[in-house]
PDB file of N, CA and C in Angstrom:
ATOM      1  N   MET A   1     -15.538  74.398 135.563  1.00  0.00           N
ATOM      2  CA  MET A   1     -14.667  74.210 134.971  1.00  0.00           C
ATOM      3  C   MET A   1     -14.669  72.220 135.171  1.00  0.00           C
ATOM      4  N   LEU A   2     -14.377  72.063 136.739  1.00  0.00           N
ATOM      5  CA  LEU A   2     -15.317  70.269 136.498  1.00  0.00           C
ATOM      6  C   LEU A   2     -16.013  69.805 136.128  1.00  0.00           C
ATOM      7  N   ALA A   3     -17.089  70.772 136.333  1.00  0.00           N
ATOM      8  CA  ALA A   3     -18.428  70.305 136.163  1.00  0.00           C
ATOM      9  C   ALA A   3     -18.756  70.077 134.717  1.00  0.00           C
ATOM     10  N   PHE A   4     -17.980  70.790 133.915  1.00  0.00           N
ATOM     11  CA  PHE A   4     -18.289  71.194 132.755  1.00  0.00           C
ATOM     12  C   PHE A   4     -17.371  69.546 131.725  1.00  0.00           C
ATOM     13  N   GLY A   5     -16.786  69.179 132.816  1.00  0.00           N
ATOM     14  CA  GLY A   5     -15.285  67.954 132.147  1.00  0.00           C
ATOM     15  C   GLY A   5     -16.357  66.794 132.115  1.00  0.00           C
ATOM     16  N   VAL A   6     -17.184  66.642 133.455  1.00  0.00           N
ATOM     17  CA  VAL A   6     -17.817  65.179 133.752  1.00  0.00           C
ATOM     18  C   VAL A   6     -18.972  65.705 132.638  1.00  0.00           C
ATOM     19  N   TRP A   7     -19.513  66.606 132.540  1.00  0.00           N
ATOM     20  CA  TRP A   7     -20.709  66.949 131.688  1.00  0.00           C
ATOM     21  C   TRP A   7     -20.027  65.992 129.938  1.00  0.00           C
ATOM     22  N   SER A   8     -19.168  66.708 129.757  1.00  0.00           N
ATOM     23  CA  SER A   8     -18.208  66.407 128.539  1.00  0.00           C
ATOM     24  C   SER A   8     -18.135  65.046 128.362  1.00  0.00           C
ATOM     25  N   TRP A   9     -17.868  63.952 129.033  1.00  0.00           N
ATOM     26  CA  TRP A   9     -18.004  62.371 129.458  1.00  0.00           C
ATOM     27  C   TRP A   9     -19.231  62.042 128.914  1.00  0.00           C
ATOM     28  N   PHE A  10     -20.208  62.632 129.581  1.00  0.00           N
ATOM     29  CA  PHE A  10     -21.778  62.108 129.887  1.00  0.00           C
ATOM     30  C   PHE A  10     -21.973  62.113 128.194  1.00  0.00           C
ATOM     31  N   ILE A  11     -21.732  63.685 128.058  1.00  0.00           N
ATOM     32  CA  ILE A  11     -22.594  64.171 126.606  1.00  0.00           C
ATOM     33  C   ILE A  11     -22.127  63.206 125.491  1.00  0.00           C
ATOM     34  N   TRP A  12     -20.534  63.441 125.378  1.00  0.00           N
ATOM     35  CA  TRP A  12     -19.857  63.213 124.075  1.00  0.00           C
ATOM     36  C   TRP A  12     -19.895  61.361 123.818  1.00  0.00           C
ATOM     37  N   ILE A  13     -19.987  60.636 124.918  1.00  0.00           N
ATOM     38  CA  ILE A  13     -19.389  59.376 125.237  1.00  0.00           C
ATOM     39  C   ILE A  13     -21.028  58.603 124.387  1.00  0.00           C
ATOM     40  N   THR A  14     -22.352  59.157 124.945  1.00  0.00           N
ATOM     41  CA  THR A  14     -23.393  58.592 124.668  1.00  0.00           C
ATOM     42  C   THR A  14     -23.627  59.537 123.587  1.00  0.00           C
ATOM     43  N   PHE A  15     -23.414  60.300 122.618  1.00  0.00           N
ATOM     44  CA  PHE A  15     -23.573  61.304 121.729  1.00  0.00           C
ATOM     45  C   PHE A  15     -22.910  59.870 119.908  1.00  0.00           C
ATOM     46  N   VAL A  16     -21.436  59.482 120.846  1.00  0.00           N
ATOM     47  CA  VAL A  16     -21.041  58.734 119.789  1.00  0.00           C
ATOM     48  C   VAL A  16     -21.695  57.028 120.492  1.00  0.00           C
ATOM     49  N   LYS A  17     -22.143  56.499 120.955  1.00  0.00           N
ATOM     50  CA  LYS A  17     -22.623  55.441 121.139  1.00  0.00           C
ATOM     51  C   LYS A  17     -23.995  55.358 120.783  1.00  0.00           C
ATOM     52  N   ASN A  18     -25.147  56.391 120.279  1.00  0.00           N
ATOM     53  CA  ASN A  18     -26.034  56.695 118.905  1.00  0.00           C
ATOM     54  C   ASN A  18     -25.634  57.024 117.932  1.00  0.00           C
ATOM     55  N   LEU A  19     -24.327  57.848 117.543  1.00  0.00           N
ATOM     56  CA  LEU A  19     -24.404  57.393 116.147  1.00  0.00           C
ATOM     57  C   LEU A  19     -23.707  56.339 115.715  1.00  0.00           C
ATOM     58  N   VAL A  20     -22.703  55.621 116.248  1.00  0.00           N
ATOM     59  CA  VAL A  20     -23.021  53.849 116.116  1.00  0.00           C
ATOM     60  C   VAL A  20     -23.919  53.375 115.424  1.00  0.00           C
ATOM     61  N   LYS A  21     -24.878  53.642 116.372  1.00  0.00           N
ATOM     62  CA  LYS A  21     -26.319  52.441 116.538  1.00  0.00           C
ATOM     63  C   LYS A  21     -27.538  53.326 115.183  1.00  0.00           C
ATOM     64  N   ASP A  22     -26.824  54.576 114.943  1.00  0.00           N
ATOM     65  CA  ASP A  22     -27.758  55.173 114.086  1.00  0.00           C
ATOM     66  C   ASP A  22     -28.184  54.031 112.793  1.00  0.00           C
ATOM     67  N   GLY A  23     -29.719  54.420 112.637  1.00  0.00           N
ATOM     68  CA  GLY A  23     -30.973  53.490 111.557  1.00  0.00           C
ATOM     69  C   GLY A  23     -30.933  54.429 111.018  1.00  0.00           C
ATOM     70  N   SER A  24     -30.942  55.773 111.122  1.00  0.00           N
ATOM     71  CA  SER A  24     -31.919  56.492 109.896  1.00  0.00           C
ATOM     72  C   SER A  24     -31.206  56.903 108.303  1.00  0.00           C
ATOM     73  N   GLY A  25     -29.782  56.273 108.763  1.00  0.00           N
ATOM     74  CA  GLY A  25     -29.343  56.118 106.990  1.00  0.00           C
ATOM     75  C   GLY A  25     -28.665  56.971 106.990  1.00  0.00           C
ATOM     76  N   LEU A  26     -28.505  57.873 107.732  1.00  0.00           N
ATOM     77  CA  LEU A  26     -27.523  59.168 107.814  1.00  0.00           C
ATOM     78  C   LEU A  26     -25.834  58.894 108.255  1.00  0.00           C
ATOM     79  N   ALA A  27     -25.746  58.289 109.134  1.00  0.00           N
ATOM     80  CA  ALA A  27     -24.378  58.018 109.398  1.00  0.00           C
ATOM     81  C   ALA A  27     -23.698  56.757 108.277  1.00  0.00           C
ATOM     82  N   PHE A  28     -24.483  55.826 107.886  1.00  0.00           N
ATOM     83  CA  PHE A  28     -24.058  54.942 106.988  1.00  0.00           C
ATOM     84  C   PHE A  28     -25.131  54.201 106.056  1.00  0.00           C
ATOM     85  N   ASP A  29     -24.418  54.115 104.942  1.00  0.00           N
ATOM     86  CA  ASP A  29     -24.797  54.140 103.817  1.00  0.00           C
ATOM     87  C   ASP A  29     -25.322  52.718 103.409  1.00  0.00           C
ATOM     88  N   ALA A  30     -26.398  52.397 102.533  1.00  0.00           N
ATOM     89  CA  ALA A  30     -26.859  50.976 102.466  1.00  0.00           C
ATOM     90  C   ALA A  30     -25.940  49.673 102.729  1.00  0.00           C
ATOM     91  N   ALA A  31     -25.062  49.649 102.043  1.00  0.00           N
ATOM     92  CA  ALA A  31     -24.354  48.432 101.959  1.00  0.00           C
ATOM     93  C   ALA A  31     -23.544  48.872 103.794  1.00  0.00           C
ATOM     94  N   GLY A  32     -23.713  50.034 104.743  1.00  0.00           N
ATOM     95  CA  GLY A  32     -23.153  49.675 105.546  1.00  0.00           C
ATOM     96  C   GLY A  32     -21.552  50.187 106.251  1.00  0.00           C
ATOM     97  N   ASP A  33     -21.532  50.706 105.633  1.00  0.00           N
ATOM     98  CA  ASP A  33     -20.074  51.735 105.591  1.00  0.00           C
ATOM     99  C   ASP A  33     -20.232  53.203 105.730  1.00  0.00           C
ATOM    100  N   PRO A  34     -19.408  53.333 106.829  1.00  0.00           N
ATOM    101  CA  PRO A  34     -20.073  55.250 107.099  1.00  0.00           C
ATOM    102  C   PRO A  34     -19.801  56.168 106.456  1.00  0.00           C
ATOM    103  N   THR A  35     -20.599  57.291 106.152  1.00  0.00           N
ATOM    104  CA  THR A  35     -20.861  57.707 105.249  1.00  0.00           C
ATOM    105  C   THR A  35     -19.764  59.480 106.076  1.00  0.00           C
ATOM    106  N   ALA A  36     -19.816  60.775 104.763  1.00  0.00           N
ATOM    107  CA  ALA A  36     -18.763  61.661 105.150  1.00  0.00           C
ATOM    108  C   ALA A  36     -19.786  62.335 106.906  1.00  0.00           C
ATOM    109  N   TYR A  37     -21.414  61.593 106.921  1.00  0.00           N
ATOM    110  CA  TYR A  37     -21.995  62.553 108.253  1.00  0.00           C
ATOM    111  C   TYR A  37     -21.549  61.789 109.871  1.00  0.00           C
ATOM    112  N   PHE A  38     -21.266  60.625 109.166  1.00  0.00           N
ATOM    113  CA  PHE A  38     -20.840  60.304 110.162  1.00  0.00           C
ATOM    114  C   PHE A  38     -18.738  60.325 110.917  1.00  0.00           C
ATOM    115  N   TRP A  39     -18.810  60.577 109.555  1.00  0.00           N
ATOM    116  CA  TRP A  39     -16.957  61.170 110.195  1.00  0.00           C
ATOM    117  C   TRP A  39     -16.588  62.145 110.759  1.00  0.00           C
ATOM    118  N   VAL A  40     -17.876  63.311 109.651  1.00  0.00           N
ATOM    119  CA  VAL A  40     -17.828  64.733 110.630  1.00  0.00           C
ATOM    120  C   VAL A  40     -18.263  65.402 111.923  1.00  0.00           C
ATOM    121  N   HIS A  41     -18.960  64.030 112.077  1.00  0.00           N
ATOM    122  CA  HIS A  41     -19.739  64.491 113.327  1.00  0.00           C
ATOM    123  C   HIS A  41     -18.912  63.222 114.461  1.00  0.00           C
ATOM    124  N   LEU A  42     -18.179  61.981 114.017  1.00  0.00           N
ATOM    125  CA  LEU A  42     -17.395  61.555 115.324  1.00  0.00           C
ATOM    126  C   LEU A  42     -16.429  62.629 115.734  1.00  0.00           C
ATOM    127  N   VAL A  43     -14.987  62.870 114.307  1.00  0.00           N
ATOM    128  CA  VAL A  43     -14.636  64.180 114.829  1.00  0.00           C
ATOM    129  C   VAL A  43     -14.748  65.179 115.537  1.00  0.00           C
ATOM    130  N   LEU A  44     -15.720  66.057 115.593  1.00  0.00           N
ATOM    131  CA  LEU A  44     -16.470  66.615 116.056  1.00  0.00           C
ATOM    132  C   LEU A  44     -16.500  66.077 117.715  1.00  0.00           C
ATOM    133  N   ALA A  45     -17.099  65.196 117.798  1.00  0.00           N
ATOM    134  CA  ALA A  45     -17.351  64.412 118.795  1.00  0.00           C
ATOM    135  C   ALA A  45     -16.127  64.323 119.465  1.00  0.00           C
ATOM    136  N   VAL A  46     -15.227  63.456 119.052  1.00  0.00           N
ATOM    137  CA  VAL A  46     -13.777  63.329 120.084  1.00  0.00           C
ATOM    138  C   VAL A  46     -12.906  64.800 120.532  1.00  0.00           C
ATOM    139  N   THR A  47     -13.752  65.770 119.099  1.00  0.00           N
ATOM    140  CA  THR A  47     -12.442  67.047 119.497  1.00  0.00           C
ATOM    141  C   THR A  47     -13.422  67.394 120.548  1.00  0.00           C
ATOM    142  N   SER A  48     -14.243  67.528 121.005  1.00  0.00           N
ATOM    143  CA  SER A  48     -15.187  67.924 122.200  1.00  0.00           C
ATOM    144  C   SER A  48     -14.678  67.171 123.287  1.00  0.00           C
ATOM    145  N   PHE A  49     -14.583  66.207 123.014  1.00  0.00           N
ATOM    146  CA  PHE A  49     -14.411  65.037 124.150  1.00  0.00           C
ATOM    147  C   PHE A  49     -13.150  65.778 124.823  1.00  0.00           C
ATOM    148  N   LEU A  50     -12.300  65.587 123.957  1.00  0.00           N
ATOM    149  CA  LEU A  50     -10.961  65.894 124.492  1.00  0.00           C
ATOM    150  C   LEU A  50     -10.603  67.042 125.128  1.00  0.00           C
ATOM    151  N   LEU A  51     -10.954  67.646 124.673  1.00  0.00           N
ATOM    152  CA  LEU A  51     -11.214  69.740 125.170  1.00  0.00           C
ATOM    153  C   LEU A  51     -12.256  69.911 126.658  1.00  0.00           C
ATOM    154  N   GLY A  52     -13.542  69.061 126.185  1.00  0.00           N
ATOM    155  CA  GLY A  52     -13.771  68.988 127.407  1.00  0.00           C
ATOM    156  C   GLY A  52     -13.005  68.027 128.779  1.00  0.00           C
ATOM    157  N   THR A  53     -12.063  66.899 128.348  1.00  0.00           N
ATOM    158  CA  THR A  53     -11.339  66.517 129.402  1.00  0.00           C
ATOM    159  C   THR A  53     -10.663  67.629 129.819  1.00  0.00           C
ATOM    160  N   ALA A  54      -9.833  68.211 128.776  1.00  0.00           N
ATOM    161  CA  ALA A  54      -8.808  68.905 129.085  1.00  0.00           C
ATOM    162  C   ALA A  54      -9.004  70.238 130.105  1.00  0.00           C
ATOM    163  N   ILE A  55     -10.957  70.876 130.324  1.00  0.00           N
ATOM    164  CA  ILE A  55     -11.122  71.548 130.673  1.00  0.00           C
ATOM    165  C   ILE A  55     -11.234  71.207 131.931  1.00  0.00           C
ATOM    166  N   GLY A  56     -12.112  69.881 132.396  1.00  0.00           N
ATOM    167  CA  GLY A  56     -11.904  69.361 133.237  1.00  0.00           C
ATOM    168  C   GLY A  56     -10.543  68.996 133.992  1.00  0.00           C
ATOM    169  N   VAL A  57      -9.705  68.621 133.309  1.00  0.00           N
ATOM    170  CA  VAL A  57      -8.966  68.189 134.583  1.00  0.00           C
ATOM    171  C   VAL A  57      -8.350  69.430 134.734  1.00  0.00           C
ATOM    172  N   ILE A  58      -7.994  70.841 134.248  1.00  0.00           N
ATOM    173  CA  ILE A  58      -7.825  72.340 134.521  1.00  0.00           C
ATOM    174  C   ILE A  58      -8.666  72.366 136.105  1.00  0.00           C
ATOM    175  N   GLY A  59     -10.114  71.918 135.683  1.00  0.00           N
ATOM    176  CA  GLY A  59     -10.860  72.254 137.224  1.00  0.00           C
ATOM    177  C   GLY A  59     -10.288  71.683 138.353  1.00  0.00           C
ATOM    178  N   PHE A  60     -10.789  70.080 138.146  1.00  0.00           N
ATOM    179  CA  PHE A  60     -10.258  69.517 139.019  1.00  0.00           C
ATOM    180  C   PHE A  60      -8.574  69.677 139.689  1.00  0.00           C
ATOM    181  N   ARG A  61      -7.779  70.273 139.093  1.00  0.00           N
ATOM    182  CA  ARG A  61      -6.284  70.448 139.516  1.00  0.00           C
ATOM    183  C   ARG A  61      -6.749  72.127 140.523  1.00  0.00           C
ATOM    184  N   GLY A  62      -7.597  73.301 140.157  1.00  0.00           N
ATOM    185  CA  GLY A  62      -7.954  74.356 140.923  1.00  0.00           C
ATOM    186  C   GLY A  62      -9.073  73.843 142.438  1.00  0.00           C
ATOM    187  N   VAL A  63      -9.591  72.904 142.092  1.00  0.00           N
ATOM    188  CA  VAL A  63      -9.710  72.309 143.264  1.00  0.00           C
ATOM    189  C   VAL A  63      -8.706  71.792 144.371  1.00  0.00           C
ATOM    190  N   ARG A  64      -8.255  70.719 143.945  1.00  0.00           N
ATOM    191  CA  ARG A  64      -7.441  70.756 144.758  1.00  0.00           C
ATOM    192  C   ARG A  64      -6.838  71.643 144.829  1.00  0.00           C
ATOM    193  N   ALA A  65      -6.066  72.728 144.577  1.00  0.00           N
ATOM    194  CA  ALA A  65      -5.323  73.876 144.927  1.00  0.00           C
ATOM    195  C   ALA A  65      -6.349  74.787 146.113  1.00  0.00           C
ATOM    196  N   LEU A  66      -7.381  74.630 145.675  1.00  0.00           N
ATOM    197  CA  LEU A  66      -8.211  74.975 147.191  1.00  0.00           C
ATOM    198  C   LEU A  66      -8.492  74.531 147.874  1.00  0.00           C
ATOM    199  N   ARG A  67      -8.409  73.612 147.963  1.00  0.00           N
ATOM    200  CA  ARG A  67      -7.953  72.776 149.481  1.00  0.00           C
ATOM    201  C   ARG A  67      -7.446  72.369 150.081  1.00  0.00           C
ATOM    202  N   ARG A  68      -5.877  72.566 149.708  1.00  0.00           N
ATOM    203  CA  ARG A  68      -4.765  72.916 150.074  1.00  0.00           C
ATOM    204  C   ARG A  68      -4.637  73.963 150.904  1.00  0.00           C
ATOM    205  N   ALA A  69      -5.019  75.384 150.338  1.00  0.00           N
ATOM    206  CA  ALA A  69      -5.330  76.368 150.788  1.00  0.00           C
ATOM    207  C   ALA A  69      -5.182  76.637 152.009  1.00  0.00           C
TER     208      ALA A  69
END
């Protein structure tokens, strides 16, 4: 679980950085305004990041509990 939390931080932060830098025209229209594609993928990334963080915290607490025992 702890590894998944760390992986989540790496993957989703990188994904959002790449989404913001998108030059293909999917994330931003010609005027530079965010498109529906941008908003949907941003919500998916943030949700996955938060869930991954929660899973990582559970894993971290589990590792600490094992070390105390």
